[in-house]
PDB file of N, CA and C in Angstrom:
ATOM      1  N   MET A   1       7.151   4.266   4.032  1.00  0.00           N
ATOM      2  CA  MET A   1       8.238   5.059   3.513  1.00  0.00           C
ATOM      3  C   MET A   1       9.081   4.254   2.527  1.00  0.00           C
ATOM      4  N   VAL A   2       9.155   2.938   2.718  1.00  0.00           N
ATOM      5  CA  VAL A   2       9.884   2.109   1.752  1.00  0.00           C
ATOM      6  C   VAL A   2       9.175   2.155   0.407  1.00  0.00           C
ATOM      7  N   PHE A   3       7.850   2.054   0.439  1.00  0.00           N
ATOM      8  CA  PHE A   3       7.062   2.107  -0.791  1.00  0.00           C
ATOM      9  C   PHE A   3       7.292   3.425  -1.513  1.00  0.00           C
ATOM     10  N   ALA A   4       7.414   4.505  -0.772  1.00  0.00           N
ATOM     11  CA  ALA A   4       7.533   5.836  -1.358  1.00  0.00           C
ATOM     12  C   ALA A   4       8.972   6.263  -1.606  1.00  0.00           C
ATOM     13  N   SER A   5       9.937   5.427  -1.319  1.00  0.00           N
ATOM     14  CA  SER A   5      11.355   5.767  -1.471  1.00  0.00           C
ATOM     15  C   SER A   5      11.709   7.055  -0.736  1.00  0.00           C
ATOM     16  N   TRP A   6      11.123   7.228   0.429  1.00  0.00           N
ATOM     17  CA  TRP A   6      11.379   8.376   1.296  1.00  0.00           C
ATOM     18  C   TRP A   6      11.005   9.697   0.630  1.00  0.00           C
ATOM     19  N   ARG A   7       9.946   9.697  -0.148  1.00  0.00           N
ATOM     20  CA  ARG A   7       9.456  10.921  -0.790  1.00  0.00           C
ATOM     21  C   ARG A   7       7.997  11.136  -0.373  1.00  0.00           C
ATOM     22  N   PRO A   8       7.694  12.314   0.188  1.00  0.00           N
ATOM     23  CA  PRO A   8       6.342  12.562   0.687  1.00  0.00           C
ATOM     24  C   PRO A   8       5.263  12.491  -0.392  1.00  0.00           C
ATOM     25  N   GLY A   9       5.552  12.938  -1.583  1.00  0.00           N
ATOM     26  CA  GLY A   9       4.561  12.906  -2.661  1.00  0.00           C
ATOM     27  C   GLY A   9       4.167  11.483  -3.027  1.00  0.00           C
ATOM     28  N   LYS A  10       5.147  10.612  -3.084  1.00  0.00           N
ATOM     29  CA  LYS A  10       4.864   9.209  -3.377  1.00  0.00           C
ATOM     30  C   LYS A  10       4.116   8.552  -2.223  1.00  0.00           C
ATOM     31  N   ALA A  11       4.394   8.966  -0.999  1.00  0.00           N
ATOM     32  CA  ALA A  11       3.670   8.427   0.154  1.00  0.00           C
ATOM     33  C   ALA A  11       2.198   8.822   0.079  1.00  0.00           C
ATOM     34  N   LEU A  12       1.931  10.046  -0.332  1.00  0.00           N
ATOM     35  CA  LEU A  12       0.552  10.490  -0.504  1.00  0.00           C
ATOM     36  C   LEU A  12      -0.137   9.678  -1.596  1.00  0.00           C
ATOM     37  N   LEU A  13       0.555   9.435  -2.682  1.00  0.00           N
ATOM     38  CA  LEU A  13       0.001   8.629  -3.765  1.00  0.00           C
ATOM     39  C   LEU A  13      -0.301   7.209  -3.277  1.00  0.00           C
ATOM     40  N   GLY A  14       0.581   6.629  -2.504  1.00  0.00           N
ATOM     41  CA  GLY A  14       0.350   5.299  -1.944  1.00  0.00           C
ATOM     42  C   GLY A  14      -0.871   5.276  -1.040  1.00  0.00           C
ATOM     43  N   ALA A  15      -1.055   6.324  -0.240  1.00  0.00           N
ATOM     44  CA  ALA A  15      -2.226   6.400   0.634  1.00  0.00           C
ATOM     45  C   ALA A  15      -3.508   6.516  -0.186  1.00  0.00           C
ATOM     46  N   LEU A  16      -3.459   7.275  -1.272  1.00  0.00           N
ATOM     47  CA  LEU A  16      -4.639   7.404  -2.138  1.00  0.00           C
ATOM     48  C   LEU A  16      -4.968   6.097  -2.842  1.00  0.00           C
ATOM     49  N   ILE A  17      -3.953   5.358  -3.245  1.00  0.00           N
ATOM     50  CA  ILE A  17      -4.187   4.057  -3.881  1.00  0.00           C
ATOM     51  C   ILE A  17      -4.821   3.103  -2.877  1.00  0.00           C
ATOM     52  N   PHE A  18      -4.334   3.101  -1.631  1.00  0.00           N
ATOM     53  CA  PHE A  18      -4.933   2.253  -0.598  1.00  0.00           C
ATOM     54  C   PHE A  18      -6.386   2.649  -0.366  1.00  0.00           C
ATOM     55  N   ALA A  19      -6.657   3.954  -0.321  1.00  0.00           N
ATOM     56  CA  ALA A  19      -8.028   4.428  -0.112  1.00  0.00           C
ATOM     57  C   ALA A  19      -8.934   3.996  -1.270  1.00  0.00           C
ATOM     58  N   PHE A  20      -8.405   4.024  -2.495  1.00  0.00           N
ATOM     59  CA  PHE A  20      -9.188   3.574  -3.646  1.00  0.00           C
ATOM     60  C   PHE A  20      -9.574   2.107  -3.495  1.00  0.00           C
ATOM     61  N   PHE A  21      -8.627   1.264  -3.127  1.00  0.00           N
ATOM     62  CA  PHE A  21      -8.921  -0.156  -2.972  1.00  0.00           C
ATOM     63  C   PHE A  21      -9.833  -0.416  -1.773  1.00  0.00           C
ATOM     64  N   ASP A  22      -9.728   0.415  -0.745  1.00  0.00           N
ATOM     65  CA  ASP A  22     -10.631   0.287   0.388  1.00  0.00           C
ATOM     66  C   ASP A  22     -12.058   0.638  -0.032  1.00  0.00           C
ATOM     67  N   ALA A  23     -12.228   1.682  -0.822  1.00  0.00           N
ATOM     68  CA  ALA A  23     -13.551   2.042  -1.330  1.00  0.00           C
ATOM     69  C   ALA A  23     -14.070   0.985  -2.298  1.00  0.00           C
ATOM     70  N   LEU A  24     -13.179   0.405  -3.088  1.00  0.00           N
ATOM     71  CA  LEU A  24     -13.583  -0.640  -4.032  1.00  0.00           C
ATOM     72  C   LEU A  24     -14.120  -1.866  -3.294  1.00  0.00           C
ATOM     73  N   GLN A  25     -13.484  -2.249  -2.197  1.00  0.00           N
ATOM     74  CA  GLN A  25     -13.964  -3.414  -1.468  1.00  0.00           C
ATOM     75  C   GLN A  25     -15.343  -3.151  -0.866  1.00  0.00           C
ATOM     76  N   LEU A  26     -15.635  -1.913  -0.509  1.00  0.00           N
ATOM     77  CA  LEU A  26     -16.983  -1.601  -0.022  1.00  0.00           C
ATOM     78  C   LEU A  26     -18.015  -1.786  -1.128  1.00  0.00           C
ATOM     79  N   ARG A  27     -17.666  -1.347  -2.338  1.00  0.00           N
ATOM     80  CA  ARG A  27     -18.586  -1.521  -3.471  1.00  0.00           C
ATOM     81  C   ARG A  27     -18.771  -2.995  -3.814  1.00  0.00           C
ATOM     82  N   LEU A  28     -17.697  -3.762  -3.720  1.00  0.00           N
ATOM     83  CA  LEU A  28     -17.793  -5.188  -4.038  1.00  0.00           C
ATOM     84  C   LEU A  28     -18.619  -5.931  -2.997  1.00  0.00           C
ATOM     85  N   GLN A  29     -18.602  -5.471  -1.754  1.00  0.00           N
ATOM     86  CA  GLN A  29     -19.407  -6.102  -0.711  1.00  0.00           C
ATOM     87  C   GLN A  29     -20.894  -5.893  -0.944  1.00  0.00           C
ATOM     88  N   GLN A  30     -21.250  -4.853  -1.671  1.00  0.00           N
ATOM     89  CA  GLN A  30     -22.659  -4.558  -1.926  1.00  0.00           C
ATOM     90  C   GLN A  30     -23.246  -5.474  -2.986  1.00  0.00           C
ATOM     91  N   GLY A  31     -22.550  -6.512  -3.322  1.00  0.00           N
ATOM     92  CA  GLY A  31     -23.076  -7.450  -4.295  1.00  0.00           C
ATOM     93  C   GLY A  31     -22.395  -7.346  -5.638  1.00  0.00           C
ATOM     94  N   GLY A  32     -21.232  -6.735  -5.677  1.00  0.00           N
ATOM     95  CA  GLY A  32     -20.508  -6.637  -6.936  1.00  0.00           C
ATOM     96  C   GLY A  32     -21.152  -5.673  -7.903  1.00  0.00           C
ATOM     97  N   ALA A  33     -21.790  -4.624  -7.391  1.00  0.00           N
ATOM     98  CA  ALA A  33     -22.462  -3.657  -8.269  1.00  0.00           C
ATOM     99  C   ALA A  33     -21.473  -2.994  -9.221  1.00  0.00           C
ATOM    100  N   ALA A  34     -20.230  -2.843  -8.767  1.00  0.00           N
ATOM    101  CA  ALA A  34     -19.234  -2.190  -9.622  1.00  0.00           C
ATOM    102  C   ALA A  34     -18.764  -3.122 -10.741  1.00  0.00           C
ATOM    103  N   LEU A  35     -18.714  -4.414 -10.470  1.00  0.00           N
ATOM    104  CA  LEU A  35     -18.231  -5.391 -11.443  1.00  0.00           C
ATOM    105  C   LEU A  35     -19.200  -6.573 -11.503  1.00  0.00           C
ATOM    106  N   PRO A  36     -20.194  -6.514 -12.369  1.00  0.00           N
ATOM    107  CA  PRO A  36     -21.144  -7.626 -12.439  1.00  0.00           C
ATOM    108  C   PRO A  36     -20.473  -8.898 -12.947  1.00  0.00           C
ATOM    109  N   GLY A  37     -21.003 -10.025 -12.511  1.00  0.00           N
ATOM    110  CA  GLY A  37     -20.466 -11.306 -12.948  1.00  0.00           C
ATOM    111  C   GLY A  37     -19.470 -11.914 -11.993  1.00  0.00           C
ATOM    112  N   LEU A  38     -19.157 -11.231 -10.893  1.00  0.00           N
ATOM    113  CA  LEU A  38     -18.233 -11.802  -9.909  1.00  0.00           C
ATOM    114  C   LEU A  38     -18.947 -12.876  -9.102  1.00  0.00           C
ATOM    115  N   PRO A  39     -18.236 -13.916  -8.723  1.00  0.00           N
ATOM    116  CA  PRO A  39     -18.875 -14.956  -7.907  1.00  0.00           C
ATOM    117  C   PRO A  39     -19.195 -14.419  -6.510  1.00  0.00           C
ATOM    118  N   GLU A  40     -20.152 -15.040  -5.870  1.00  0.00           N
ATOM    119  CA  GLU A  40     -20.538 -14.655  -4.514  1.00  0.00           C
ATOM    120  C   GLU A  40     -19.470 -15.149  -3.537  1.00  0.00           C
ATOM    121  N   LEU A  41     -18.774 -14.239  -2.900  1.00  0.00           N
ATOM    122  CA  LEU A  41     -17.706 -14.563  -1.957  1.00  0.00           C
ATOM    123  C   LEU A  41     -18.072 -14.040  -0.576  1.00  0.00           C
ATOM    124  N   PRO A  42     -17.521 -14.631   0.482  1.00  0.00           N
ATOM    125  CA  PRO A  42     -17.747 -14.074   1.822  1.00  0.00           C
ATOM    126  C   PRO A  42     -17.182 -12.654   1.903  1.00  0.00           C
ATOM    127  N   TYR A  43     -17.809 -11.822   2.703  1.00  0.00           N
ATOM    128  CA  TYR A  43     -17.392 -10.425   2.781  1.00  0.00           C
ATOM    129  C   TYR A  43     -15.981 -10.273   3.322  1.00  0.00           C
ATOM    130  N   GLN A  44     -15.479 -11.252   4.076  1.00  0.00           N
ATOM    131  CA  GLN A  44     -14.131 -11.180   4.633  1.00  0.00           C
ATOM    132  C   GLN A  44     -13.077 -11.160   3.529  1.00  0.00           C
ATOM    133  N   VAL A  45     -13.356 -11.802   2.415  1.00  0.00           N
ATOM    134  CA  VAL A  45     -12.425 -11.800   1.286  1.00  0.00           C
ATOM    135  C   VAL A  45     -12.274 -10.383   0.759  1.00  0.00           C
ATOM    136  N   TYR A  46     -13.379  -9.664   0.671  1.00  0.00           N
ATOM    137  CA  TYR A  46     -13.325  -8.289   0.194  1.00  0.00           C
ATOM    138  C   TYR A  46     -12.646  -7.366   1.208  1.00  0.00           C
ATOM    139  N   LEU A  47     -12.804  -7.674   2.501  1.00  0.00           N
ATOM    140  CA  LEU A  47     -12.123  -6.876   3.522  1.00  0.00           C
ATOM    141  C   LEU A  47     -10.610  -7.018   3.431  1.00  0.00           C
ATOM    142  N   MET A  48     -10.133  -8.173   2.991  1.00  0.00           N
ATOM    143  CA  MET A  48      -8.694  -8.413   2.882  1.00  0.00           C
ATOM    144  C   MET A  48      -8.079  -7.748   1.656  1.00  0.00           C
ATOM    145  N   LEU A  49      -8.873  -7.432   0.667  1.00  0.00           N
ATOM    146  CA  LEU A  49      -8.372  -6.948  -0.623  1.00  0.00           C
ATOM    147  C   LEU A  49      -7.388  -5.781  -0.516  1.00  0.00           C
ATOM    148  N   PRO A  50      -7.701  -4.670   0.182  1.00  0.00           N
ATOM    149  CA  PRO A  50      -6.734  -3.559   0.231  1.00  0.00           C
ATOM    150  C   PRO A  50      -5.406  -3.942   0.889  1.00  0.00           C
ATOM    151  N   TYR A  51      -5.470  -4.810   1.900  1.00  0.00           N
ATOM    152  CA  TYR A  51      -4.260  -5.185   2.627  1.00  0.00           C
ATOM    153  C   TYR A  51      -3.389  -6.136   1.807  1.00  0.00           C
ATOM    154  N   ILE A  52      -4.021  -7.054   1.110  1.00  0.00           N
ATOM    155  CA  ILE A  52      -3.267  -7.965   0.242  1.00  0.00           C
ATOM    156  C   ILE A  52      -2.573  -7.187  -0.869  1.00  0.00           C
ATOM    157  N   LEU A  53      -3.293  -6.239  -1.459  1.00  0.00           N
ATOM    158  CA  LEU A  53      -2.688  -5.439  -2.518  1.00  0.00           C
ATOM    159  C   LEU A  53      -1.563  -4.553  -1.985  1.00  0.00           C
ATOM    160  N   SER A  54      -1.700  -4.066  -0.750  1.00  0.00           N
ATOM    161  CA  SER A  54      -0.626  -3.272  -0.139  1.00  0.00           C
ATOM    162  C   SER A  54       0.624  -4.116   0.096  1.00  0.00           C
ATOM    163  N   ILE A  55       0.435  -5.349   0.561  1.00  0.00           N
ATOM    164  CA  ILE A  55       1.574  -6.238   0.783  1.00  0.00           C
ATOM    165  C   ILE A  55       2.263  -6.546  -0.543  1.00  0.00           C
ATOM    166  N   LEU A  56       1.485  -6.806  -1.586  1.00  0.00           N
ATOM    167  CA  LEU A  56       2.073  -7.064  -2.901  1.00  0.00           C
ATOM    168  C   LEU A  56       2.861  -5.857  -3.411  1.00  0.00           C
ATOM    169  N   ALA A  57       2.306  -4.662  -3.215  1.00  0.00           N
ATOM    170  CA  ALA A  57       3.012  -3.447  -3.640  1.00  0.00           C
ATOM    171  C   ALA A  57       4.313  -3.281  -2.870  1.00  0.00           C
ATOM    172  N   LEU A  58       4.312  -3.571  -1.578  1.00  0.00           N
ATOM    173  CA  LEU A  58       5.541  -3.468  -0.782  1.00  0.00           C
ATOM    174  C   LEU A  58       6.587  -4.475  -1.225  1.00  0.00           C
ATOM    175  N   VAL A  59       6.162  -5.690  -1.557  1.00  0.00           N
ATOM    176  CA  VAL A  59       7.106  -6.703  -2.014  1.00  0.00           C
ATOM    177  C   VAL A  59       7.774  -6.251  -3.310  1.00  0.00           C
ATOM    178  N   VAL A  60       6.980  -5.727  -4.222  1.00  0.00           N
ATOM    179  CA  VAL A  60       7.515  -5.282  -5.513  1.00  0.00           C
ATOM    180  C   VAL A  60       8.433  -4.074  -5.331  1.00  0.00           C
ATOM    181  N   MET A  61       7.997  -3.101  -4.537  1.00  0.00           N
ATOM    182  CA  MET A  61       8.768  -1.867  -4.384  1.00  0.00           C
ATOM    183  C   MET A  61      10.009  -2.057  -3.512  1.00  0.00           C
ATOM    184  N   ALA A  62       9.980  -2.985  -2.566  1.00  0.00           N
ATOM    185  CA  ALA A  62      11.126  -3.177  -1.670  1.00  0.00           C
ATOM    186  C   ALA A  62      12.340  -3.705  -2.427  1.00  0.00           C
ATOM    187  N   ARG A  63      12.113  -4.399  -3.503  1.00  0.00           N
ATOM    188  CA  ARG A  63      13.242  -4.904  -4.293  1.00  0.00           C
ATOM    189  C   ARG A  63      14.001  -3.777  -4.967  1.00  0.00           C
ATOM    190  N   ARG A  64      13.303  -2.692  -5.288  1.00  0.00           N
ATOM    191  CA  ARG A  64      13.933  -1.574  -5.990  1.00  0.00           C
ATOM    192  C   ARG A  64      14.197  -0.389  -5.074  1.00  0.00           C
ATOM    193  N   ALA A  65      13.991  -0.545  -3.781  1.00  0.00           N
ATOM    194  CA  ALA A  65      14.103   0.574  -2.849  1.00  0.00           C
ATOM    195  C   ALA A  65      15.549   1.043  -2.727  1.00  0.00           C
ATOM    196  N   ALA A  66      15.705   2.341  -2.716  1.00  0.00           N
ATOM    197  CA  ALA A  66      17.007   2.964  -2.486  1.00  0.00           C
ATOM    198  C   ALA A  66      16.959   3.589  -1.096  1.00  0.00           C
ATOM    199  N   TYR A  67      17.677   2.993  -0.176  1.00  0.00           N
ATOM    200  CA  TYR A  67      17.648   3.460   1.199  1.00  0.00           C
ATOM    201  C   TYR A  67      18.613   4.615   1.392  1.00  0.00           C
ATOM    202  N   PRO A  68      18.291   5.566   2.281  1.00  0.00           N
ATOM    203  CA  PRO A  68      19.222   6.658   2.573  1.00  0.00           C
ATOM    204  C   PRO A  68      20.514   6.109   3.184  1.00  0.00           C
ATOM    205  N   GLN A  69      21.632   6.730   2.857  1.00  0.00           N
ATOM    206  CA  GLN A  69      22.918   6.251   3.356  1.00  0.00           C
ATOM    207  C   GLN A  69      23.026   6.385   4.871  1.00  0.00           C
ATOM    208  N   ALA A  70      22.342   7.352   5.442  1.00  0.00           N
ATOM    209  CA  ALA A  70      22.437   7.589   6.879  1.00  0.00           C
ATOM    210  C   ALA A  70      21.463   6.744   7.688  1.00  0.00           C
ATOM    211  N   LEU A  71      20.714   5.905   7.041  1.00  0.00           N
ATOM    212  CA  LEU A  71      19.737   5.094   7.757  1.00  0.00           C
ATOM    213  C   LEU A  71      20.449   4.128   8.695  1.00  0.00           C
ATOM    214  N   MET A  72      19.998   4.082   9.941  1.00  0.00           N
ATOM    215  CA  MET A  72      20.510   3.203  10.995  1.00  0.00           C
ATOM    216  C   MET A  72      21.940   3.526  11.431  1.00  0.00           C
ATOM    217  N   LYS A  73      22.436   4.704  11.117  1.00  0.00           N
ATOM    218  CA  LYS A  73      23.737   5.138  11.624  1.00  0.00           C
ATOM    219  C   LYS A  73      23.496   6.148  12.736  1.00  0.00           C
ATOM    220  N   PRO A  74      24.139   5.979  13.873  1.00  0.00           N
ATOM    221  CA  PRO A  74      23.902   6.912  14.977  1.00  0.00           C
ATOM    222  C   PRO A  74      24.437   8.312  14.646  1.00  0.00           C
ATOM    223  N   TYR A  75      23.730   9.307  15.126  1.00  0.00           N
ATOM    224  CA  TYR A  75      24.161  10.684  14.946  1.00  0.00           C
ATOM    225  C   TYR A  75      25.006  11.106  16.139  1.00  0.00           C
ATOM    226  N   ARG A  76      26.186  11.585  15.862  1.00  0.00           N
ATOM    227  CA  ARG A  76      27.058  12.108  16.907  1.00  0.00           C
ATOM    228  C   ARG A  76      27.403  13.538  16.565  1.00  0.00           C
ATOM    229  N   LYS A  77      27.022  14.424  17.437  1.00  0.00           N
ATOM    230  CA  LYS A  77      27.202  15.847  17.204  1.00  0.00           C
ATOM    231  C   LYS A  77      28.684  16.173  17.043  1.00  0.00           C
ATOM    232  N   GLY A  78      28.984  16.950  16.007  1.00  0.00           N
ATOM    233  CA  GLY A  78      30.344  17.371  15.748  1.00  0.00           C
ATOM    234  C   GLY A  78      31.124  16.449  14.841  1.00  0.00           C
ATOM    235  N   GLU A  79      30.626  15.266  14.540  1.00  0.00           N
ATOM    236  CA  GLU A  79      31.316  14.350  13.607  1.00  0.00           C
ATOM    237  C   GLU A  79      30.757  14.498  12.217  1.00  0.00           C
ATOM    238  N   ARG A  80      31.557  14.179  11.235  1.00  0.00           N
ATOM    239  CA  ARG A  80      31.098  14.212   9.844  1.00  0.00           C
ATOM    240  C   ARG A  80      31.330  12.893   9.229  1.00  0.00           C
TER     241      ARG A  80
END
């Protein structure tokens, strides 16, 4: 939700981007068929790719995140 700035559409976009990188790592594990010329790496490196990119995206987006004003404030019925 931080990545999406509390907007459902952006959250869906973030999930699709993660899915793209997850599919890309599967293609790269097949011997780099998608990108010829890559060095031979252990498959664990490719498994980490979507998660590393997600962490980088969170670091970048968290700096610009606009949090809701009511976040972490208790709700008391009848108060404004």
